[in-house]
C-alpha atoms as a PDB file:
ATOM      1  CA  MET A   1     -16.740 -86.697   2.400  1.00  0.00           C
ATOM      2  CA  PHE A   2     -16.280 -84.943  -0.739  1.00  0.00           C
ATOM      3  CA  THR A   3     -20.170 -83.563  -0.844  1.00  0.00           C
ATOM      4  CA  VAL A   4     -19.282 -82.239   2.739  1.00  0.00           C
ATOM      5  CA  VAL A   5     -15.779 -80.473   1.276  1.00  0.00           C
ATOM      6  CA  ILE A   6     -17.471 -79.545  -1.359  1.00  0.00           C
ATOM      7  CA  ILE A   7     -20.259 -77.389   0.962  1.00  0.00           C
ATOM      8  CA  ALA A   8     -17.776 -76.001   3.215  1.00  0.00           C
ATOM      9  CA  VAL A   9     -15.504 -74.688   0.101  1.00  0.00           C
ATOM     10  CA  ILE A  10     -18.215 -72.776  -1.298  1.00  0.00           C
ATOM     11  CA  VAL A  11     -19.701 -71.469   2.751  1.00  0.00           C
ATOM     12  CA  ILE A  12     -16.084 -69.862   3.174  1.00  0.00           C
ATOM     13  CA  GLY A  13     -16.549 -68.349  -0.328  1.00  0.00           C
ATOM     14  CA  LEU A  14     -19.616 -66.812   0.147  1.00  0.00           C
ATOM     15  CA  ALA A  15     -18.292 -65.911   3.438  1.00  0.00           C
ATOM     16  CA  ALA A  16     -15.128 -63.951   1.843  1.00  0.00           C
ATOM     17  CA  LEU A  17     -17.727 -62.231  -0.498  1.00  0.00           C
ATOM     18  CA  LEU A  18     -19.511 -61.738   1.863  1.00  0.00           C
ATOM     19  CA  TYR A  19     -16.829 -59.245   4.045  1.00  0.00           C
ATOM     20  CA  LEU A  20     -15.613 -57.656   1.094  1.00  0.00           C
ATOM     21  CA  GLY A  21     -18.753 -57.100   0.284  1.00  0.00           C
ATOM     22  CA  GLY A  22     -19.131 -55.067   3.506  1.00  0.00           C
ATOM     23  CA  GLY A  23     -15.728 -53.345   2.953  1.00  0.00           C
ATOM     24  CA  ARG A  24     -16.481 -51.855  -0.410  1.00  0.00           C
ATOM     25  CA  MET A  25     -20.076 -51.126   1.756  1.00  0.00           C
ATOM     26  CA  GLN A  26     -18.399 -48.923   4.221  1.00  0.00           C
ATOM     27  CA  GLY A  27     -16.155 -46.759   1.838  1.00  0.00           C
ATOM     28  CA  GLY A  28     -14.476 -48.657  -1.097  1.00  0.00           C
ATOM     29  CA  GLY A  29     -11.272 -50.039   0.825  1.00  0.00           C
ATOM     30  CA  GLY A  30      -8.025 -48.533   0.996  1.00  0.00           C
ATOM     31  CA  HIS A  31      -8.121 -46.508  -1.815  1.00  0.00           C
ATOM     32  CA  GLY A  32     -11.360 -45.705  -2.098  1.00  0.00           C
ATOM     33  CA  LEU A  33     -11.213 -44.045   1.276  1.00  0.00           C
ATOM     34  CA  LYS A  34      -8.074 -42.054   0.834  1.00  0.00           C
ATOM     35  CA  ARG A  35     -10.562 -40.304  -2.149  1.00  0.00           C
ATOM     36  CA  ARG A  36     -13.485 -40.200   0.524  1.00  0.00           C
ATOM     37  CA  PHE A  37     -11.559 -39.045   3.005  1.00  0.00           C
ATOM     38  CA  GLY A  38      -8.392 -37.113   1.064  1.00  0.00           C
ATOM     39  CA  PRO A  39      -7.125 -35.026   4.062  1.00  0.00           C
ATOM     40  CA  GLN A  40      -8.568 -36.305   6.685  1.00  0.00           C
ATOM     41  CA  TYR A  41      -7.605 -40.341   5.590  1.00  0.00           C
ATOM     42  CA  ASP A  42      -4.126 -38.887   6.713  1.00  0.00           C
ATOM     43  CA  ARG A  43      -5.270 -37.101   9.851  1.00  0.00           C
ATOM     44  CA  ALA A  44      -6.969 -40.425  10.842  1.00  0.00           C
ATOM     45  CA  VAL A  45      -3.483 -42.640  10.428  1.00  0.00           C
ATOM     46  CA  ALA A  46      -1.321 -40.161  11.779  1.00  0.00           C
ATOM     47  CA  ASP A  47      -4.712 -40.041  15.400  1.00  0.00           C
ATOM     48  CA  HIS A  48      -3.797 -44.168  15.065  1.00  0.00           C
ATOM     49  CA  ASP A  49      -0.123 -43.815  15.418  1.00  0.00           C
ATOM     50  CA  GLY A  50       0.522 -44.660  11.912  1.00  0.00           C
ATOM     51  CA  ASP A  51      -2.009 -47.818  12.502  1.00  0.00           C
ATOM     52  CA  THR A  52      -3.566 -47.841   8.519  1.00  0.00           C
ATOM     53  CA  LYS A  53      -5.600 -50.503   9.289  1.00  0.00           C
ATOM     54  CA  ALA A  54      -7.400 -49.415  12.781  1.00  0.00           C
ATOM     55  CA  ALA A  55      -7.316 -46.228  10.677  1.00  0.00           C
ATOM     56  CA  GLU A  56      -8.951 -47.552   7.823  1.00  0.00           C
ATOM     57  CA  GLN A  57     -11.938 -49.383  10.230  1.00  0.00           C
ATOM     58  CA  GLU A  58     -12.358 -46.196  12.143  1.00  0.00           C
ATOM     59  CA  LEU A  59     -13.504 -44.518   8.605  1.00  0.00           C
ATOM     60  CA  GLY A  60     -15.068 -47.756   7.176  1.00  0.00           C
ATOM     61  CA  GLU A  61     -17.322 -46.679  10.431  1.00  0.00           C
ATOM     62  CA  ARG A  62     -18.257 -43.381   9.473  1.00  0.00           C
ATOM     63  CA  VAL A  63     -19.237 -44.063   6.690  1.00  0.00           C
ATOM     64  CA  ARG A  64     -21.466 -47.122   7.773  1.00  0.00           C
ATOM     65  CA  VAL A  65     -23.626 -44.483  10.484  1.00  0.00           C
ATOM     66  CA  HIS A  66     -22.979 -41.637   8.277  1.00  0.00           C
ATOM     67  CA  GLY A  67     -22.968 -42.335   4.657  1.00  0.00           C
ATOM     68  CA  SER A  68     -26.566 -41.991   3.872  1.00  0.00           C
ATOM     69  CA  LEU A  69     -27.223 -38.959   5.573  1.00  0.00           C
ATOM     70  CA  ALA A  70     -29.269 -36.908   3.202  1.00  0.00           C
ATOM     71  CA  GLU A  71     -28.686 -33.528   3.630  1.00  0.00           C
ATOM     72  CA  LEU A  72     -31.937 -30.984   4.201  1.00  0.00           C
ATOM     73  CA  SER A  73     -32.560 -27.855   1.745  1.00  0.00           C
ATOM     74  CA  LEU A  74     -32.548 -24.293   3.199  1.00  0.00           C
ATOM     75  CA  SER A  75     -34.373 -21.828   2.457  1.00  0.00           C
ATOM     76  CA  PRO A  76     -33.376 -19.133   0.690  1.00  0.00           C
ATOM     77  CA  GLU A  77     -34.469 -16.742   3.837  1.00  0.00           C
ATOM     78  CA  VAL A  78     -32.690 -18.640   6.114  1.00  0.00           C
ATOM     79  CA  ARG A  79     -29.900 -18.933   3.933  1.00  0.00           C
ATOM     80  CA  GLU A  80     -30.004 -15.277   3.437  1.00  0.00           C
ATOM     81  CA  HIS A  81     -29.880 -14.722   7.219  1.00  0.00           C
ATOM     82  CA  TYR A  82     -26.650 -17.118   7.790  1.00  0.00           C
ATOM     83  CA  VAL A  83     -25.007 -14.868   5.261  1.00  0.00           C
ATOM     84  CA  THR A  84     -25.929 -12.208   6.866  1.00  0.00           C
ATOM     85  CA  GLN A  85     -24.651 -13.462  10.417  1.00  0.00           C
ATOM     86  CA  TRP A  86     -21.376 -14.586   8.779  1.00  0.00           C
ATOM     87  CA  ALA A  87     -20.691 -11.039   6.829  1.00  0.00           C
ATOM     88  CA  THR A  88     -21.317  -9.061  10.293  1.00  0.00           C
ATOM     89  CA  ILE A  89     -18.487 -12.233  12.048  1.00  0.00           C
ATOM     90  CA  GLN A  90     -16.419 -11.244   9.741  1.00  0.00           C
ATOM     91  CA  GLU A  91     -16.819  -7.245  10.337  1.00  0.00           C
ATOM     92  CA  GLN A  92     -16.617  -8.135  14.233  1.00  0.00           C
ATOM     93  CA  PHE A  93     -13.519  -9.945  14.085  1.00  0.00           C
ATOM     94  CA  VAL A  94     -10.924  -6.894  13.394  1.00  0.00           C
ATOM     95  CA  GLU A  95     -12.316  -5.690  16.571  1.00  0.00           C
ATOM     96  CA  SER A  96     -12.502  -8.927  19.016  1.00  0.00           C
ATOM     97  CA  PRO A  97     -11.074 -11.487  17.200  1.00  0.00           C
ATOM     98  CA  GLN A  98     -12.142 -14.191  19.861  1.00  0.00           C
ATOM     99  CA  LYS A  99     -15.981 -13.332  20.225  1.00  0.00           C
ATOM    100  CA  ALA A 100     -15.833 -13.562  16.506  1.00  0.00           C
ATOM    101  CA  VAL A 101     -14.580 -17.382  16.625  1.00  0.00           C
ATOM    102  CA  ILE A 102     -16.554 -17.804  19.140  1.00  0.00           C
ATOM    103  CA  GLU A 103     -19.529 -16.843  17.262  1.00  0.00           C
ATOM    104  CA  ALA A 104     -18.571 -18.033  14.240  1.00  0.00           C
ATOM    105  CA  ASP A 105     -17.923 -21.718  15.889  1.00  0.00           C
ATOM    106  CA  ALA A 106     -21.644 -21.165  17.026  1.00  0.00           C
ATOM    107  CA  LEU A 107     -22.954 -20.381  13.917  1.00  0.00           C
ATOM    108  CA  LEU A 108     -21.692 -23.312  12.161  1.00  0.00           C
ATOM    109  CA  ALA A 109     -22.600 -25.925  14.431  1.00  0.00           C
ATOM    110  CA  ARG A 110     -26.342 -24.413  14.097  1.00  0.00           C
ATOM    111  CA  LEU A 111     -25.729 -24.592  10.136  1.00  0.00           C
ATOM    112  CA  ALA A 112     -24.721 -27.850   9.873  1.00  0.00           C
ATOM    113  CA  GLY A 113     -27.822 -28.707  12.324  1.00  0.00           C
ATOM    114  CA  ASP A 114     -30.224 -27.203   9.863  1.00  0.00           C
ATOM    115  CA  ARG A 115     -28.510 -29.121   6.988  1.00  0.00           C
ATOM    116  CA  GLY A 116     -29.569 -32.587   9.224  1.00  0.00           C
ATOM    117  CA  PHE A 117     -26.301 -32.774  10.429  1.00  0.00           C
ATOM    118  CA  PRO A 118     -25.535 -34.318  14.055  1.00  0.00           C
ATOM    119  CA  ASP A 119     -26.886 -32.079  17.391  1.00  0.00           C
ATOM    120  CA  CYS A 120     -23.831 -29.366  17.718  1.00  0.00           C
ATOM    121  CA  GLU A 121     -24.226 -30.123  21.145  1.00  0.00           C
ATOM    122  CA  GLN A 122     -22.863 -33.722  19.735  1.00  0.00           C
ATOM    123  CA  PHE A 123     -18.879 -32.107  18.415  1.00  0.00           C
ATOM    124  CA  ASP A 124     -17.996 -35.185  17.721  1.00  0.00           C
ATOM    125  CA  ASP A 125     -20.551 -37.078  16.058  1.00  0.00           C
ATOM    126  CA  GLN A 126     -21.031 -33.809  13.962  1.00  0.00           C
ATOM    127  CA  ILE A 127     -17.796 -33.438  12.812  1.00  0.00           C
ATOM    128  CA  ALA A 128     -17.058 -37.756  11.956  1.00  0.00           C
ATOM    129  CA  ALA A 129     -20.603 -36.904   9.991  1.00  0.00           C
ATOM    130  CA  LEU A 130     -19.566 -34.517   8.382  1.00  0.00           C
ATOM    131  CA  SER A 131     -15.912 -35.735   7.487  1.00  0.00           C
ATOM    132  CA  VAL A 132     -18.395 -37.915   5.023  1.00  0.00           C
ATOM    133  CA  HIS A 133     -19.918 -35.307   2.928  1.00  0.00           C
ATOM    134  CA  HIS A 134     -17.317 -32.028   3.288  1.00  0.00           C
ATOM    135  CA  SER A 135     -14.111 -34.303   4.165  1.00  0.00           C
ATOM    136  CA  HIS A 136     -12.292 -31.116   2.330  1.00  0.00           C
ATOM    137  CA  HIS A 137     -13.564 -28.349   4.358  1.00  0.00           C
ATOM    138  CA  VAL A 138     -13.923 -29.929   8.022  1.00  0.00           C
ATOM    139  CA  GLN A 139     -10.496 -28.933   9.219  1.00  0.00           C
ATOM    140  CA  GLY A 140     -11.235 -26.045   9.414  1.00  0.00           C
ATOM    141  CA  TYR A 141     -14.749 -26.487  11.667  1.00  0.00           C
ATOM    142  CA  ARG A 142     -12.063 -28.495  13.568  1.00  0.00           C
ATOM    143  CA  ALA A 143      -8.932 -25.747  13.645  1.00  0.00           C
ATOM    144  CA  MET A 144     -11.978 -23.135  15.078  1.00  0.00           C
ATOM    145  CA  HIS A 145     -13.380 -25.414  17.559  1.00  0.00           C
ATOM    146  CA  ALA A 146     -10.337 -25.632  18.960  1.00  0.00           C
ATOM    147  CA  ALA A 147      -9.258 -21.723  18.532  1.00  0.00           C
ATOM    148  CA  ALA A 148     -13.079 -20.742  20.161  1.00  0.00           C
ATOM    149  CA  ARG A 149     -12.128 -22.727  23.499  1.00  0.00           C
ATOM    150  CA  ASP A 150      -8.440 -22.177  23.765  1.00  0.00           C
ATOM    151  CA  GLN A 151      -6.407 -18.998  24.339  1.00  0.00           C
ATOM    152  CA  SER A 152      -4.655 -18.691  20.560  1.00  0.00           C
ATOM    153  CA  GLY A 153      -2.941 -15.436  19.133  1.00  0.00           C
ATOM    154  CA  THR A 154      -5.183 -13.379  16.621  1.00  0.00           C
ATOM    155  CA  GLU A 155      -3.245 -14.663  13.751  1.00  0.00           C
ATOM    156  CA  GLU A 156      -4.439 -18.211  14.680  1.00  0.00           C
ATOM    157  CA  MET A 157      -7.803 -17.433  15.157  1.00  0.00           C
ATOM    158  CA  ARG A 158      -7.706 -15.500  11.304  1.00  0.00           C
ATOM    159  CA  GLU A 159      -6.262 -18.321  10.033  1.00  0.00           C
ATOM    160  CA  ALA A 160      -9.107 -20.666  11.714  1.00  0.00           C
ATOM    161  CA  MET A 161     -12.109 -18.856  10.139  1.00  0.00           C
ATOM    162  CA  VAL A 162     -10.490 -18.501   6.814  1.00  0.00           C
ATOM    163  CA  GLU A 163     -10.096 -21.866   6.594  1.00  0.00           C
ATOM    164  CA  ALA A 164     -13.350 -22.447   8.042  1.00  0.00           C
ATOM    165  CA  ARG A 165     -15.293 -20.207   5.394  1.00  0.00           C
ATOM    166  CA  GLY A 166     -14.741 -23.523   2.782  1.00  0.00           C
ATOM    167  CA  LEU A 167     -17.160 -25.404   5.235  1.00  0.00           C
ATOM    168  CA  PHE A 168     -19.626 -22.145   5.952  1.00  0.00           C
ATOM    169  CA  GLU A 169     -20.166 -21.908   1.875  1.00  0.00           C
ATOM    170  CA  ALA A 170     -20.232 -24.944   1.080  1.00  0.00           C
ATOM    171  CA  LEU A 171     -23.443 -25.787   4.053  1.00  0.00           C
ATOM    172  CA  VAL A 172     -24.753 -22.693   2.851  1.00  0.00           C
ATOM    173  CA  GLY A 173     -24.368 -23.680  -1.081  1.00  0.00           C
ATOM    174  CA  GLU A 174     -27.839 -24.726  -3.333  1.00  0.00           C
ATOM    175  CA  GLN A 175     -26.315 -27.972  -3.687  1.00  0.00           C
ATOM    176  CA  PRO A 176     -25.139 -30.915  -1.403  1.00  0.00           C
ATOM    177  CA  ALA A 177     -21.108 -31.691  -1.608  1.00  0.00           C
ATOM    178  CA  ASP A 178     -19.751 -34.997  -3.434  1.00  0.00           C
ATOM    179  CA  PRO A 179     -18.272 -36.538  -0.864  1.00  0.00           C
ATOM    180  CA  ASP A 180     -15.837 -38.766  -3.273  1.00  0.00           C
ATOM    181  CA  ARG A 181     -15.209 -35.118  -5.181  1.00  0.00           C
ATOM    182  CA  ARG A 182     -11.790 -32.901  -4.006  1.00  0.00           C
ATOM    183  CA  ASP A 183     -13.723 -29.789  -4.374  1.00  0.00           C
ATOM    184  CA  ALA A 184     -11.213 -26.889  -4.447  1.00  0.00           C
ATOM    185  CA  SER A 185     -13.707 -23.808  -4.467  1.00  0.00           C
ATOM    186  CA  SER A 186     -12.719 -22.859  -1.201  1.00  0.00           C
ATOM    187  CA  ARG A 187      -9.679 -21.874  -1.366  1.00  0.00           C
ATOM    188  CA  GLU A 188     -10.058 -20.529  -5.411  1.00  0.00           C
ATOM    189  CA  ASP A 189     -13.306 -17.973  -3.748  1.00  0.00           C
ATOM    190  CA  GLN A 190     -10.614 -16.860  -1.081  1.00  0.00           C
ATOM    191  CA  GLY A 191      -9.357 -14.945  -3.493  1.00  0.00           C
ATOM    192  CA  HIS A 192     -12.416 -13.757  -4.721  1.00  0.00           C
ATOM    193  CA  ALA A 193     -15.343 -12.958  -2.399  1.00  0.00           C
ATOM    194  CA  PRO A 194     -15.276 -10.545  -0.206  1.00  0.00           C
ATOM    195  CA  TRP A 195     -13.299 -11.608   3.202  1.00  0.00           C
ATOM    196  CA  PRO A 196     -12.329  -8.660   5.880  1.00  0.00           C
ATOM    197  CA  LEU A 197      -9.673 -11.223   7.573  1.00  0.00           C
ATOM    198  CA  THR A 198      -6.196 -10.184   5.620  1.00  0.00           C
ATOM    199  CA  ARG A 199      -3.253  -8.630   7.062  1.00  0.00           C
ATOM    200  CA  ARG A 200      -3.925  -5.094   5.462  1.00  0.00           C
ATOM    201  CA  HIS A 201      -7.617  -5.045   7.170  1.00  0.00           C
ATOM    202  CA  ALA A 202      -5.846  -5.482  10.776  1.00  0.00           C
ATOM    203  CA  LYS A 203      -6.945  -3.179  12.670  1.00  0.00           C
ATOM    204  CA  GLY A 204      -4.023  -0.349  13.364  1.00  0.00           C
ATOM    205  CA  SER A 205      -2.703  -1.030   9.990  1.00  0.00           C
ATOM    206  CA  SER A 206      -2.433   1.042   6.820  1.00  0.00           C
ATOM    207  CA  THR A 207      -4.930   0.590   4.090  1.00  0.00           C
END
């Protein structure tokens, strides 16, 4: 009888270790998920009406499904083509904001596909995978995707494109992103790289 009890204790202990280990593999628990997903963690909790456990289960599943995704490299020619296209779309925004946002949304979807993320026709899967690898930039893409389909105001569309540019720069860059490190480069770059969608460049405004 004593031997049976010892065996039962060992089995339960091993099961607990496997369970905890699985939780770590899927994102490192609550603290690891917060660090990895940043603002997307809070969004997930809000989407689950404050249910932290449910949100962490969803985020852990995203890591399990998409965490091993290896981003593909872009050739210099393809990278330059995307940069040129994005610059052209930015210039078009002043005259046709809605058209520019729609084209920018489609461009980002194609770029993500070329980097190895799920196909652009599967937006939910694509955004989930991007949130695992580019968590601090994905909200701009989500906002621009919504603006491309809704009758948003010009200012809302401008802000969406400015925010989405962070993801564009992350995807078109040389090195894959580190999903565990907050990348503040998009906000810094907005003050340095040319961007024609500021208010002083708006149609009909003074320069």
